ModelCIF file with pLDDT and N, C-alpha, C, O atoms, coordinates in Angstrom:
data_MODEL
#
_entry.id   MODEL 
#
_entity.id                         1 
_entity.type                       polymer 
_entity.pdbx_number_of_molecules   1 
#
_entity_poly.entity_id                      1 
_entity_poly.type                           'polypeptide(L)' 
_entity_poly.nstd_linkage                   no 
_entity_poly.nstd_monomer                   no 
_entity_poly.pdbx_seq_one_letter_code       
;(UNK)(UNK)(UNK)(UNK)(UNK)(UNK)(UNK)(UNK)(UNK)(UNK)(UNK)(UNK)(UNK)(UNK)(UNK)(UNK)
(UNK)(UNK)(UNK)(UNK)(UNK)(UNK)(UNK)(UNK)(UNK)(UNK)(UNK)(UNK)(UNK)(UNK)(UNK)(UNK)
(UNK)(UNK)(UNK)(UNK)(UNK)(UNK)(UNK)(UNK)(UNK)(UNK)(UNK)(UNK)(UNK)(UNK)(UNK)(UNK)
;
_entity_poly.pdbx_seq_one_letter_code_can   XXXXXXXXXXXXXXXXXXXXXXXXXXXXXXXXXXXXXXXXXXXXXXXX 
_entity_poly.pdbx_strand_id                 A 
#
loop_
_entity_poly_seq.entity_id 
_entity_poly_seq.num 
_entity_poly_seq.mon_id 
_entity_poly_seq.hetero 
1 1  UNK n 
1 2  UNK n 
1 3  UNK n 
1 4  UNK n 
1 5  UNK n 
1 6  UNK n 
1 7  UNK n 
1 8  UNK n 
1 9  UNK n 
1 10 UNK n 
1 11 UNK n 
1 12 UNK n 
1 13 UNK n 
1 14 UNK n 
1 15 UNK n 
1 16 UNK n 
1 17 UNK n 
1 18 UNK n 
1 19 UNK n 
1 20 UNK n 
1 21 UNK n 
1 22 UNK n 
1 23 UNK n 
1 24 UNK n 
1 25 UNK n 
1 26 UNK n 
1 27 UNK n 
1 28 UNK n 
1 29 UNK n 
1 30 UNK n 
1 31 UNK n 
1 32 UNK n 
1 33 UNK n 
1 34 UNK n 
1 35 UNK n 
1 36 UNK n 
1 37 UNK n 
1 38 UNK n 
1 39 UNK n 
1 40 UNK n 
1 41 UNK n 
1 42 UNK n 
1 43 UNK n 
1 44 UNK n 
1 45 UNK n 
1 46 UNK n 
1 47 UNK n 
1 48 UNK n 
#
_struct_asym.id          A 
_struct_asym.entity_id   1 
#
loop_
_ma_qa_metric.id 
_ma_qa_metric.mode 
_ma_qa_metric.name 
_ma_qa_metric.software_group_id 
_ma_qa_metric.type 
1 global pLDDT . pLDDT 
2 local  pLDDT . pLDDT 
#
_ma_qa_metric_global.metric_id      1 
_ma_qa_metric_global.metric_value   93.21 
_ma_qa_metric_global.model_id       1 
_ma_qa_metric_global.ordinal_id     1 
#
loop_
_ma_qa_metric_local.label_asym_id 
_ma_qa_metric_local.label_comp_id 
_ma_qa_metric_local.label_seq_id 
_ma_qa_metric_local.metric_id 
_ma_qa_metric_local.metric_value 
_ma_qa_metric_local.model_id 
_ma_qa_metric_local.ordinal_id 
A UNK 1  2 98.00 1 1  
A UNK 2  2 98.00 1 2  
A UNK 3  2 98.00 1 3  
A UNK 4  2 98.00 1 4  
A UNK 5  2 98.00 1 5  
A UNK 6  2 97.00 1 6  
A UNK 7  2 98.00 1 7  
A UNK 8  2 97.00 1 8  
A UNK 9  2 98.00 1 9  
A UNK 10 2 97.00 1 10 
A UNK 11 2 98.00 1 11 
A UNK 12 2 98.00 1 12 
A UNK 13 2 98.00 1 13 
A UNK 14 2 98.00 1 14 
A UNK 15 2 98.00 1 15 
A UNK 16 2 98.00 1 16 
A UNK 17 2 98.00 1 17 
A UNK 18 2 98.00 1 18 
A UNK 19 2 97.00 1 19 
A UNK 20 2 96.00 1 20 
A UNK 21 2 95.00 1 21 
A UNK 22 2 94.00 1 22 
A UNK 23 2 91.00 1 23 
A UNK 24 2 87.00 1 24 
A UNK 25 2 82.00 1 25 
A UNK 26 2 80.00 1 26 
A UNK 27 2 83.00 1 27 
A UNK 28 2 76.00 1 28 
A UNK 29 2 71.00 1 29 
A UNK 30 2 70.00 1 30 
A UNK 31 2 81.00 1 31 
A UNK 32 2 85.00 1 32 
A UNK 33 2 88.00 1 33 
A UNK 34 2 92.00 1 34 
A UNK 35 2 94.00 1 35 
A UNK 36 2 94.00 1 36 
A UNK 37 2 95.00 1 37 
A UNK 38 2 96.00 1 38 
A UNK 39 2 96.00 1 39 
A UNK 40 2 96.00 1 40 
A UNK 41 2 97.00 1 41 
A UNK 42 2 96.00 1 42 
A UNK 43 2 97.00 1 43 
A UNK 44 2 97.00 1 44 
A UNK 45 2 97.00 1 45 
A UNK 46 2 97.00 1 46 
A UNK 47 2 97.00 1 47 
A UNK 48 2 96.00 1 48 
#
loop_
_atom_site.group_PDB 
_atom_site.id 
_atom_site.type_symbol 
_atom_site.label_atom_id 
_atom_site.label_alt_id 
_atom_site.label_comp_id 
_atom_site.label_asym_id 
_atom_site.label_entity_id 
_atom_site.label_seq_id 
_atom_site.pdbx_PDB_ins_code 
_atom_site.Cartn_x 
_atom_site.Cartn_y 
_atom_site.Cartn_z 
_atom_site.occupancy 
_atom_site.B_iso_or_equiv 
_atom_site.pdbx_formal_charge 
_atom_site.auth_seq_id 
_atom_site.auth_comp_id 
_atom_site.auth_asym_id 
_atom_site.auth_atom_id 
_atom_site.pdbx_PDB_model_num 
ATOM 1   N N  . UNK A 1 1  ? 0.827   -1.207  0.000  1.00 98.00 ? 1  UNK A N  1 
ATOM 2   C CA . UNK A 1 1  ? 0.000   0.000   0.000  1.00 98.00 ? 1  UNK A CA 1 
ATOM 3   C C  . UNK A 1 1  ? 0.858   1.253   0.000  1.00 98.00 ? 1  UNK A C  1 
ATOM 4   O O  . UNK A 1 1  ? 0.555   2.214   -0.707 1.00 98.00 ? 1  UNK A O  1 
ATOM 5   N N  . UNK A 1 2  ? 1.937   1.251   0.793  1.00 98.00 ? 2  UNK A N  1 
ATOM 6   C CA . UNK A 1 2  ? 2.791   2.435   0.864  1.00 98.00 ? 2  UNK A CA 1 
ATOM 7   C C  . UNK A 1 2  ? 3.586   2.622   -0.423 1.00 98.00 ? 2  UNK A C  1 
ATOM 8   O O  . UNK A 1 2  ? 3.801   3.753   -0.859 1.00 98.00 ? 2  UNK A O  1 
ATOM 9   N N  . UNK A 1 3  ? 4.021   1.532   -1.029 1.00 98.00 ? 3  UNK A N  1 
ATOM 10  C CA . UNK A 1 3  ? 4.739   1.648   -2.307 1.00 98.00 ? 3  UNK A CA 1 
ATOM 11  C C  . UNK A 1 3  ? 3.837   2.294   -3.355 1.00 98.00 ? 3  UNK A C  1 
ATOM 12  O O  . UNK A 1 3  ? 4.257   3.209   -4.063 1.00 98.00 ? 3  UNK A O  1 
ATOM 13  N N  . UNK A 1 4  ? 2.598   1.818   -3.454 1.00 98.00 ? 4  UNK A N  1 
ATOM 14  C CA . UNK A 1 4  ? 1.679   2.367   -4.445 1.00 98.00 ? 4  UNK A CA 1 
ATOM 15  C C  . UNK A 1 4  ? 1.346   3.818   -4.124 1.00 98.00 ? 4  UNK A C  1 
ATOM 16  O O  . UNK A 1 4  ? 1.325   4.665   -5.018 1.00 98.00 ? 4  UNK A O  1 
ATOM 17  N N  . UNK A 1 5  ? 1.085   4.107   -2.853 1.00 98.00 ? 5  UNK A N  1 
ATOM 18  C CA . UNK A 1 5  ? 0.798   5.493   -2.474 1.00 98.00 ? 5  UNK A CA 1 
ATOM 19  C C  . UNK A 1 5  ? 1.973   6.409   -2.781 1.00 98.00 ? 5  UNK A C  1 
ATOM 20  O O  . UNK A 1 5  ? 1.774   7.570   -3.137 1.00 98.00 ? 5  UNK A O  1 
ATOM 21  N N  . UNK A 1 6  ? 3.184   5.908   -2.650 1.00 97.00 ? 6  UNK A N  1 
ATOM 22  C CA . UNK A 1 6  ? 4.365   6.747   -2.889 1.00 97.00 ? 6  UNK A CA 1 
ATOM 23  C C  . UNK A 1 6  ? 4.476   7.222   -4.331 1.00 97.00 ? 6  UNK A C  1 
ATOM 24  O O  . UNK A 1 6  ? 5.188   8.186   -4.612 1.00 97.00 ? 6  UNK A O  1 
ATOM 25  N N  . UNK A 1 7  ? 3.774   6.551   -5.252 1.00 98.00 ? 7  UNK A N  1 
ATOM 26  C CA . UNK A 1 7  ? 3.804   6.969   -6.659 1.00 98.00 ? 7  UNK A CA 1 
ATOM 27  C C  . UNK A 1 7  ? 2.867   8.127   -6.938 1.00 98.00 ? 7  UNK A C  1 
ATOM 28  O O  . UNK A 1 7  ? 2.885   8.685   -8.034 1.00 98.00 ? 7  UNK A O  1 
ATOM 29  N N  . UNK A 1 8  ? 2.040   8.499   -5.955 1.00 97.00 ? 8  UNK A N  1 
ATOM 30  C CA . UNK A 1 8  ? 1.047   9.541   -6.166 1.00 97.00 ? 8  UNK A CA 1 
ATOM 31  C C  . UNK A 1 8  ? -0.293  9.004   -6.615 1.00 97.00 ? 8  UNK A C  1 
ATOM 32  O O  . UNK A 1 8  ? -1.208  9.779   -6.895 1.00 97.00 ? 8  UNK A O  1 
ATOM 33  N N  . UNK A 1 9  ? -0.429  7.666   -6.689 1.00 98.00 ? 9  UNK A N  1 
ATOM 34  C CA . UNK A 1 9  ? -1.671  7.043   -7.154 1.00 98.00 ? 9  UNK A CA 1 
ATOM 35  C C  . UNK A 1 9  ? -2.811  7.297   -6.173 1.00 98.00 ? 9  UNK A C  1 
ATOM 36  O O  . UNK A 1 9  ? -2.588  7.703   -5.032 1.00 98.00 ? 9  UNK A O  1 
ATOM 37  N N  . UNK A 1 10 ? -4.046  7.049   -6.640 1.00 97.00 ? 10 UNK A N  1 
ATOM 38  C CA . UNK A 1 10 ? -5.201  7.245   -5.766 1.00 97.00 ? 10 UNK A CA 1 
ATOM 39  C C  . UNK A 1 10 ? -5.232  6.181   -4.677 1.00 97.00 ? 10 UNK A C  1 
ATOM 40  O O  . UNK A 1 10 ? -4.605  5.130   -4.807 1.00 97.00 ? 10 UNK A O  1 
ATOM 41  N N  . UNK A 1 11 ? -5.970  6.462   -3.597 1.00 98.00 ? 11 UNK A N  1 
ATOM 42  C CA . UNK A 1 11 ? -5.994  5.544   -2.463 1.00 98.00 ? 11 UNK A CA 1 
ATOM 43  C C  . UNK A 1 11 ? -6.636  4.213   -2.841 1.00 98.00 ? 11 UNK A C  1 
ATOM 44  O O  . UNK A 1 11 ? -6.305  3.180   -2.258 1.00 98.00 ? 11 UNK A O  1 
ATOM 45  N N  . UNK A 1 12 ? -7.547  4.226   -3.807 1.00 98.00 ? 12 UNK A N  1 
ATOM 46  C CA . UNK A 1 12 ? -8.142  2.972   -4.256 1.00 98.00 ? 12 UNK A CA 1 
ATOM 47  C C  . UNK A 1 12 ? -7.105  2.032   -4.828 1.00 98.00 ? 12 UNK A C  1 
ATOM 48  O O  . UNK A 1 12 ? -7.148  0.829   -4.568 1.00 98.00 ? 12 UNK A O  1 
ATOM 49  N N  . UNK A 1 13 ? -6.175  2.562   -5.603 1.00 98.00 ? 13 UNK A N  1 
ATOM 50  C CA . UNK A 1 13 ? -5.112  1.732   -6.175 1.00 98.00 ? 13 UNK A CA 1 
ATOM 51  C C  . UNK A 1 13 ? -4.264  1.122   -5.071 1.00 98.00 ? 13 UNK A C  1 
ATOM 52  O O  . UNK A 1 13 ? -3.870  -0.042  -5.150 1.00 98.00 ? 13 UNK A O  1 
ATOM 53  N N  . UNK A 1 14 ? -3.983  1.915   -4.036 1.00 98.00 ? 14 UNK A N  1 
ATOM 54  C CA . UNK A 1 14 ? -3.178  1.405   -2.918 1.00 98.00 ? 14 UNK A CA 1 
ATOM 55  C C  . UNK A 1 14 ? -3.915  0.288   -2.193 1.00 98.00 ? 14 UNK A C  1 
ATOM 56  O O  . UNK A 1 14 ? -3.308  -0.722  -1.838 1.00 98.00 ? 14 UNK A O  1 
ATOM 57  N N  . UNK A 1 15 ? -5.216  0.455   -1.967 1.00 98.00 ? 15 UNK A N  1 
ATOM 58  C CA . UNK A 1 15 ? -5.995  -0.572  -1.272 1.00 98.00 ? 15 UNK A CA 1 
ATOM 59  C C  . UNK A 1 15 ? -6.114  -1.845  -2.100 1.00 98.00 ? 15 UNK A C  1 
ATOM 60  O O  . UNK A 1 15 ? -5.990  -2.949  -1.570 1.00 98.00 ? 15 UNK A O  1 
ATOM 61  N N  . UNK A 1 16 ? -6.354  -1.691  -3.394 1.00 98.00 ? 16 UNK A N  1 
ATOM 62  C CA . UNK A 1 16 ? -6.502  -2.867  -4.252 1.00 98.00 ? 16 UNK A CA 1 
ATOM 63  C C  . UNK A 1 16 ? -5.190  -3.646  -4.320 1.00 98.00 ? 16 UNK A C  1 
ATOM 64  O O  . UNK A 1 16 ? -5.198  -4.876  -4.255 1.00 98.00 ? 16 UNK A O  1 
ATOM 65  N N  . UNK A 1 17 ? -4.071  -2.947  -4.451 1.00 98.00 ? 17 UNK A N  1 
ATOM 66  C CA . UNK A 1 17 ? -2.774  -3.620  -4.466 1.00 98.00 ? 17 UNK A CA 1 
ATOM 67  C C  . UNK A 1 17 ? -2.478  -4.328  -3.159 1.00 98.00 ? 17 UNK A C  1 
ATOM 68  O O  . UNK A 1 17 ? -1.973  -5.450  -3.148 1.00 98.00 ? 17 UNK A O  1 
ATOM 69  N N  . UNK A 1 18 ? -2.802  -3.657  -2.043 1.00 98.00 ? 18 UNK A N  1 
ATOM 70  C CA . UNK A 1 18 ? -2.589  -4.271  -0.736 1.00 98.00 ? 18 UNK A CA 1 
ATOM 71  C C  . UNK A 1 18 ? -3.454  -5.512  -0.570 1.00 98.00 ? 18 UNK A C  1 
ATOM 72  O O  . UNK A 1 18 ? -2.999  -6.523  -0.035 1.00 98.00 ? 18 UNK A O  1 
ATOM 73  N N  . UNK A 1 19 ? -4.713  -5.437  -1.032 1.00 97.00 ? 19 UNK A N  1 
ATOM 74  C CA . UNK A 1 19 ? -5.603  -6.598  -0.945 1.00 97.00 ? 19 UNK A CA 1 
ATOM 75  C C  . UNK A 1 19 ? -5.062  -7.758  -1.768 1.00 97.00 ? 19 UNK A C  1 
ATOM 76  O O  . UNK A 1 19 ? -5.223  -8.918  -1.386 1.00 97.00 ? 19 UNK A O  1 
ATOM 77  N N  . UNK A 1 20 ? -4.426  -7.458  -2.888 1.00 96.00 ? 20 UNK A N  1 
ATOM 78  C CA . UNK A 1 20 ? -3.801  -8.511  -3.685 1.00 96.00 ? 20 UNK A CA 1 
ATOM 79  C C  . UNK A 1 20 ? -2.682  -9.190  -2.927 1.00 96.00 ? 20 UNK A C  1 
ATOM 80  O O  . UNK A 1 20 ? -2.556  -10.414 -2.971 1.00 96.00 ? 20 UNK A O  1 
ATOM 81  N N  . UNK A 1 21 ? -1.867  -8.410  -2.231 1.00 95.00 ? 21 UNK A N  1 
ATOM 82  C CA . UNK A 1 21 ? -0.791  -8.998  -1.434 1.00 95.00 ? 21 UNK A CA 1 
ATOM 83  C C  . UNK A 1 21 ? -1.343  -9.849  -0.305 1.00 95.00 ? 21 UNK A C  1 
ATOM 84  O O  . UNK A 1 21 ? -0.791  -10.902 0.013  1.00 95.00 ? 21 UNK A O  1 
ATOM 85  N N  . UNK A 1 22 ? -2.439  -9.393  0.305  1.00 94.00 ? 22 UNK A N  1 
ATOM 86  C CA . UNK A 1 22 ? -3.021  -10.118 1.428  1.00 94.00 ? 22 UNK A CA 1 
ATOM 87  C C  . UNK A 1 22 ? -3.634  -11.445 0.996  1.00 94.00 ? 22 UNK A C  1 
ATOM 88  O O  . UNK A 1 22 ? -3.786  -12.352 1.814  1.00 94.00 ? 22 UNK A O  1 
ATOM 89  N N  . UNK A 1 23 ? -3.983  -11.564 -0.269 1.00 91.00 ? 23 UNK A N  1 
ATOM 90  C CA . UNK A 1 23 ? -4.639  -12.784 -0.741 1.00 91.00 ? 23 UNK A CA 1 
ATOM 91  C C  . UNK A 1 23 ? -3.687  -13.975 -0.822 1.00 91.00 ? 23 UNK A C  1 
ATOM 92  O O  . UNK A 1 23 ? -4.131  -15.117 -0.939 1.00 91.00 ? 23 UNK A O  1 
ATOM 93  N N  . UNK A 1 24 ? -2.396  -13.717 -0.760 1.00 87.00 ? 24 UNK A N  1 
ATOM 94  C CA . UNK A 1 24 ? -1.431  -14.804 -0.877 1.00 87.00 ? 24 UNK A CA 1 
ATOM 95  C C  . UNK A 1 24 ? -1.420  -15.713 0.334  1.00 87.00 ? 24 UNK A C  1 
ATOM 96  O O  . UNK A 1 24 ? -1.569  -15.237 1.460  1.00 87.00 ? 24 UNK A O  1 
ATOM 97  N N  . UNK A 1 25 ? -1.245  -17.022 0.130  1.00 82.00 ? 25 UNK A N  1 
ATOM 98  C CA . UNK A 1 25 ? -1.271  -17.966 1.256  1.00 82.00 ? 25 UNK A CA 1 
ATOM 99  C C  . UNK A 1 25 ? -0.141  -17.773 2.256  1.00 82.00 ? 25 UNK A C  1 
ATOM 100 O O  . UNK A 1 25 ? -0.243  -18.256 3.383  1.00 82.00 ? 25 UNK A O  1 
ATOM 101 N N  . UNK A 1 26 ? 0.937   -17.079 1.881  1.00 80.00 ? 26 UNK A N  1 
ATOM 102 C CA . UNK A 1 26 ? 2.007   -16.815 2.838  1.00 80.00 ? 26 UNK A CA 1 
ATOM 103 C C  . UNK A 1 26 ? 1.753   -15.550 3.647  1.00 80.00 ? 26 UNK A C  1 
ATOM 104 O O  . UNK A 1 26 ? 2.593   -15.149 4.452  1.00 80.00 ? 26 UNK A O  1 
ATOM 105 N N  . UNK A 1 27 ? 0.600   -14.920 3.438  1.00 83.00 ? 27 UNK A N  1 
ATOM 106 C CA . UNK A 1 27 ? 0.310   -13.703 4.203  1.00 83.00 ? 27 UNK A CA 1 
ATOM 107 C C  . UNK A 1 27 ? -1.070  -13.769 4.842  1.00 83.00 ? 27 UNK A C  1 
ATOM 108 O O  . UNK A 1 27 ? -1.161  -13.742 6.070  1.00 83.00 ? 27 UNK A O  1 
ATOM 109 N N  . UNK A 1 28 ? -2.128  -13.854 4.083  1.00 76.00 ? 28 UNK A N  1 
ATOM 110 C CA . UNK A 1 28 ? -3.458  -13.724 4.661  1.00 76.00 ? 28 UNK A CA 1 
ATOM 111 C C  . UNK A 1 28 ? -4.324  -14.959 4.635  1.00 76.00 ? 28 UNK A C  1 
ATOM 112 O O  . UNK A 1 28 ? -5.479  -14.900 5.055  1.00 76.00 ? 28 UNK A O  1 
ATOM 113 N N  . UNK A 1 29 ? -3.809  -16.080 4.155  1.00 71.00 ? 29 UNK A N  1 
ATOM 114 C CA . UNK A 1 29 ? -4.680  -17.230 3.964  1.00 71.00 ? 29 UNK A CA 1 
ATOM 115 C C  . UNK A 1 29 ? -4.577  -18.331 4.992  1.00 71.00 ? 29 UNK A C  1 
ATOM 116 O O  . UNK A 1 29 ? -5.175  -19.391 4.803  1.00 71.00 ? 29 UNK A O  1 
ATOM 117 N N  . UNK A 1 30 ? -3.839  -18.127 6.083  1.00 70.00 ? 30 UNK A N  1 
ATOM 118 C CA . UNK A 1 30 ? -3.551  -19.231 6.997  1.00 70.00 ? 30 UNK A CA 1 
ATOM 119 C C  . UNK A 1 30 ? -4.716  -19.690 7.868  1.00 70.00 ? 30 UNK A C  1 
ATOM 120 O O  . UNK A 1 30 ? -4.816  -20.892 8.113  1.00 70.00 ? 30 UNK A O  1 
ATOM 121 N N  . UNK A 1 31 ? -5.615  -18.813 8.358  1.00 81.00 ? 31 UNK A N  1 
ATOM 122 C CA . UNK A 1 31 ? -6.665  -19.328 9.242  1.00 81.00 ? 31 UNK A CA 1 
ATOM 123 C C  . UNK A 1 31 ? -7.509  -20.436 8.628  1.00 81.00 ? 31 UNK A C  1 
ATOM 124 O O  . UNK A 1 31 ? -7.856  -21.398 9.313  1.00 81.00 ? 31 UNK A O  1 
ATOM 125 N N  . UNK A 1 32 ? -7.842  -20.316 7.353  1.00 85.00 ? 32 UNK A N  1 
ATOM 126 C CA . UNK A 1 32 ? -8.636  -21.383 6.739  1.00 85.00 ? 32 UNK A CA 1 
ATOM 127 C C  . UNK A 1 32 ? -7.842  -22.684 6.679  1.00 85.00 ? 32 UNK A C  1 
ATOM 128 O O  . UNK A 1 32 ? -8.416  -23.770 6.763  1.00 85.00 ? 32 UNK A O  1 
ATOM 129 N N  . UNK A 1 33 ? -6.513  -22.573 6.533  1.00 88.00 ? 33 UNK A N  1 
ATOM 130 C CA . UNK A 1 33 ? -5.675  -23.774 6.525  1.00 88.00 ? 33 UNK A CA 1 
ATOM 131 C C  . UNK A 1 33 ? -5.620  -24.415 7.914  1.00 88.00 ? 33 UNK A C  1 
ATOM 132 O O  . UNK A 1 33 ? -5.485  -25.633 8.032  1.00 88.00 ? 33 UNK A O  1 
ATOM 133 N N  . UNK A 1 34 ? -5.725  -23.600 8.958  1.00 92.00 ? 34 UNK A N  1 
ATOM 134 C CA . UNK A 1 34 ? -5.787  -24.142 10.318 1.00 92.00 ? 34 UNK A CA 1 
ATOM 135 C C  . UNK A 1 34 ? -7.039  -24.995 10.478 1.00 92.00 ? 34 UNK A C  1 
ATOM 136 O O  . UNK A 1 34 ? -6.980  -26.085 11.047 1.00 92.00 ? 34 UNK A O  1 
ATOM 137 N N  . UNK A 1 35 ? -8.169  -24.504 9.980  1.00 94.00 ? 35 UNK A N  1 
ATOM 138 C CA . UNK A 1 35 ? -9.403  -25.287 10.085 1.00 94.00 ? 35 UNK A CA 1 
ATOM 139 C C  . UNK A 1 35 ? -9.297  -26.588 9.302  1.00 94.00 ? 35 UNK A C  1 
ATOM 140 O O  . UNK A 1 35 ? -9.813  -27.618 9.738  1.00 94.00 ? 35 UNK A O  1 
ATOM 141 N N  . UNK A 1 36 ? -8.636  -26.551 8.157  1.00 94.00 ? 36 UNK A N  1 
ATOM 142 C CA . UNK A 1 36 ? -8.443  -27.782 7.394  1.00 94.00 ? 36 UNK A CA 1 
ATOM 143 C C  . UNK A 1 36 ? -7.634  -28.792 8.207  1.00 94.00 ? 36 UNK A C  1 
ATOM 144 O O  . UNK A 1 36 ? -7.921  -29.989 8.182  1.00 94.00 ? 36 UNK A O  1 
ATOM 145 N N  . UNK A 1 37 ? -6.619  -28.301 8.930  1.00 95.00 ? 37 UNK A N  1 
ATOM 146 C CA . UNK A 1 37 ? -5.826  -29.182 9.783  1.00 95.00 ? 37 UNK A CA 1 
ATOM 147 C C  . UNK A 1 37 ? -6.687  -29.753 10.906 1.00 95.00 ? 37 UNK A C  1 
ATOM 148 O O  . UNK A 1 37 ? -6.607  -30.947 11.195 1.00 95.00 ? 37 UNK A O  1 
ATOM 149 N N  . UNK A 1 38 ? -7.513  -28.912 11.546 1.00 96.00 ? 38 UNK A N  1 
ATOM 150 C CA . UNK A 1 38 ? -8.388  -29.400 12.608 1.00 96.00 ? 38 UNK A CA 1 
ATOM 151 C C  . UNK A 1 38 ? -9.421  -30.376 12.064 1.00 96.00 ? 38 UNK A C  1 
ATOM 152 O O  . UNK A 1 38 ? -9.774  -31.344 12.736 1.00 96.00 ? 38 UNK A O  1 
ATOM 153 N N  . UNK A 1 39 ? -9.910  -30.126 10.844 1.00 96.00 ? 39 UNK A N  1 
ATOM 154 C CA . UNK A 1 39 ? -10.831 -31.075 10.205 1.00 96.00 ? 39 UNK A CA 1 
ATOM 155 C C  . UNK A 1 39 ? -10.184 -32.452 10.097 1.00 96.00 ? 39 UNK A C  1 
ATOM 156 O O  . UNK A 1 39 ? -10.799 -33.474 10.401 1.00 96.00 ? 39 UNK A O  1 
ATOM 157 N N  . UNK A 1 40 ? -8.939  -32.452 9.659  1.00 96.00 ? 40 UNK A N  1 
ATOM 158 C CA . UNK A 1 40 ? -8.249  -33.724 9.424  1.00 96.00 ? 40 UNK A CA 1 
ATOM 159 C C  . UNK A 1 40 ? -7.967  -34.456 10.737 1.00 96.00 ? 40 UNK A C  1 
ATOM 160 O O  . UNK A 1 40 ? -8.072  -35.681 10.801 1.00 96.00 ? 40 UNK A O  1 
ATOM 161 N N  . UNK A 1 41 ? -7.611  -33.712 11.776 1.00 97.00 ? 41 UNK A N  1 
ATOM 162 C CA . UNK A 1 41 ? -7.337  -34.346 13.073 1.00 97.00 ? 41 UNK A CA 1 
ATOM 163 C C  . UNK A 1 41 ? -8.626  -34.916 13.663 1.00 97.00 ? 41 UNK A C  1 
ATOM 164 O O  . UNK A 1 41 ? -8.663  -36.062 14.113 1.00 97.00 ? 41 UNK A O  1 
ATOM 165 N N  . UNK A 1 42 ? -9.667  -34.113 13.654 1.00 96.00 ? 42 UNK A N  1 
ATOM 166 C CA . UNK A 1 42 ? -10.989 -34.625 13.984 1.00 96.00 ? 42 UNK A CA 1 
ATOM 167 C C  . UNK A 1 42 ? -11.354 -34.705 15.443 1.00 96.00 ? 42 UNK A C  1 
ATOM 168 O O  . UNK A 1 42 ? -12.458 -34.301 15.806 1.00 96.00 ? 42 UNK A O  1 
ATOM 169 N N  . UNK A 1 43 ? -10.478 -35.210 16.308 1.00 97.00 ? 43 UNK A N  1 
ATOM 170 C CA . UNK A 1 43 ? -10.841 -35.402 17.715 1.00 97.00 ? 43 UNK A CA 1 
ATOM 171 C C  . UNK A 1 43 ? -9.635  -35.157 18.608 1.00 97.00 ? 43 UNK A C  1 
ATOM 172 O O  . UNK A 1 43 ? -8.486  -35.235 18.173 1.00 97.00 ? 43 UNK A O  1 
ATOM 173 N N  . UNK A 1 44 ? -9.929  -34.857 19.872 1.00 97.00 ? 44 UNK A N  1 
ATOM 174 C CA . UNK A 1 44 ? -8.867  -34.630 20.857 1.00 97.00 ? 44 UNK A CA 1 
ATOM 175 C C  . UNK A 1 44 ? -7.956  -35.851 20.948 1.00 97.00 ? 44 UNK A C  1 
ATOM 176 O O  . UNK A 1 44 ? -6.739  -35.718 21.075 1.00 97.00 ? 44 UNK A O  1 
ATOM 177 N N  . UNK A 1 45 ? -8.543  -37.020 20.883 1.00 97.00 ? 45 UNK A N  1 
ATOM 178 C CA . UNK A 1 45 ? -7.781  -38.261 21.054 1.00 97.00 ? 45 UNK A CA 1 
ATOM 179 C C  . UNK A 1 45 ? -6.749  -38.461 19.942 1.00 97.00 ? 45 UNK A C  1 
ATOM 180 O O  . UNK A 1 45 ? -5.721  -39.102 20.160 1.00 97.00 ? 45 UNK A O  1 
ATOM 181 N N  . UNK A 1 46 ? -7.011  -37.929 18.781 1.00 97.00 ? 46 UNK A N  1 
ATOM 182 C CA . UNK A 1 46 ? -6.099  -38.119 17.647 1.00 97.00 ? 46 UNK A CA 1 
ATOM 183 C C  . UNK A 1 46 ? -5.022  -37.049 17.556 1.00 97.00 ? 46 UNK A C  1 
ATOM 184 O O  . UNK A 1 46 ? -4.135  -37.145 16.708 1.00 97.00 ? 46 UNK A O  1 
ATOM 185 N N  . UNK A 1 47 ? -5.078  -36.031 18.409 1.00 97.00 ? 47 UNK A N  1 
ATOM 186 C CA . UNK A 1 47 ? -4.175  -34.888 18.262 1.00 97.00 ? 47 UNK A CA 1 
ATOM 187 C C  . UNK A 1 47 ? -2.706  -35.304 18.321 1.00 97.00 ? 47 UNK A C  1 
ATOM 188 O O  . UNK A 1 47 ? -1.924  -34.937 17.443 1.00 97.00 ? 47 UNK A O  1 
ATOM 189 N N  . UNK A 1 48 ? -2.331  -36.055 19.332 1.00 96.00 ? 48 UNK A N  1 
ATOM 190 C CA . UNK A 1 48 ? -0.927  -36.417 19.495 1.00 96.00 ? 48 UNK A CA 1 
ATOM 191 C C  . UNK A 1 48 ? -0.395  -37.246 18.349 1.00 96.00 ? 48 UNK A C  1 
ATOM 192 O O  . UNK A 1 48 ? 0.776   -37.624 18.352 1.00 96.00 ? 48 UNK A O  1 
#
C-alpha cells in the first residue's frame, strides 16, 4: 500500500494492491488452513 501510495496514485489503487498482497497464502490465507488441519485431526484423542 505504501509503495503504491508513494507513486502519487489514488488511495483505491493502494488498497486494491494491498488486498492482492493479502490474498497470498504466505500472508493472509492461513486461518482457513488451520481449520483444514483441525478437520483432518478430527478429535482430541487423535491430536498427538
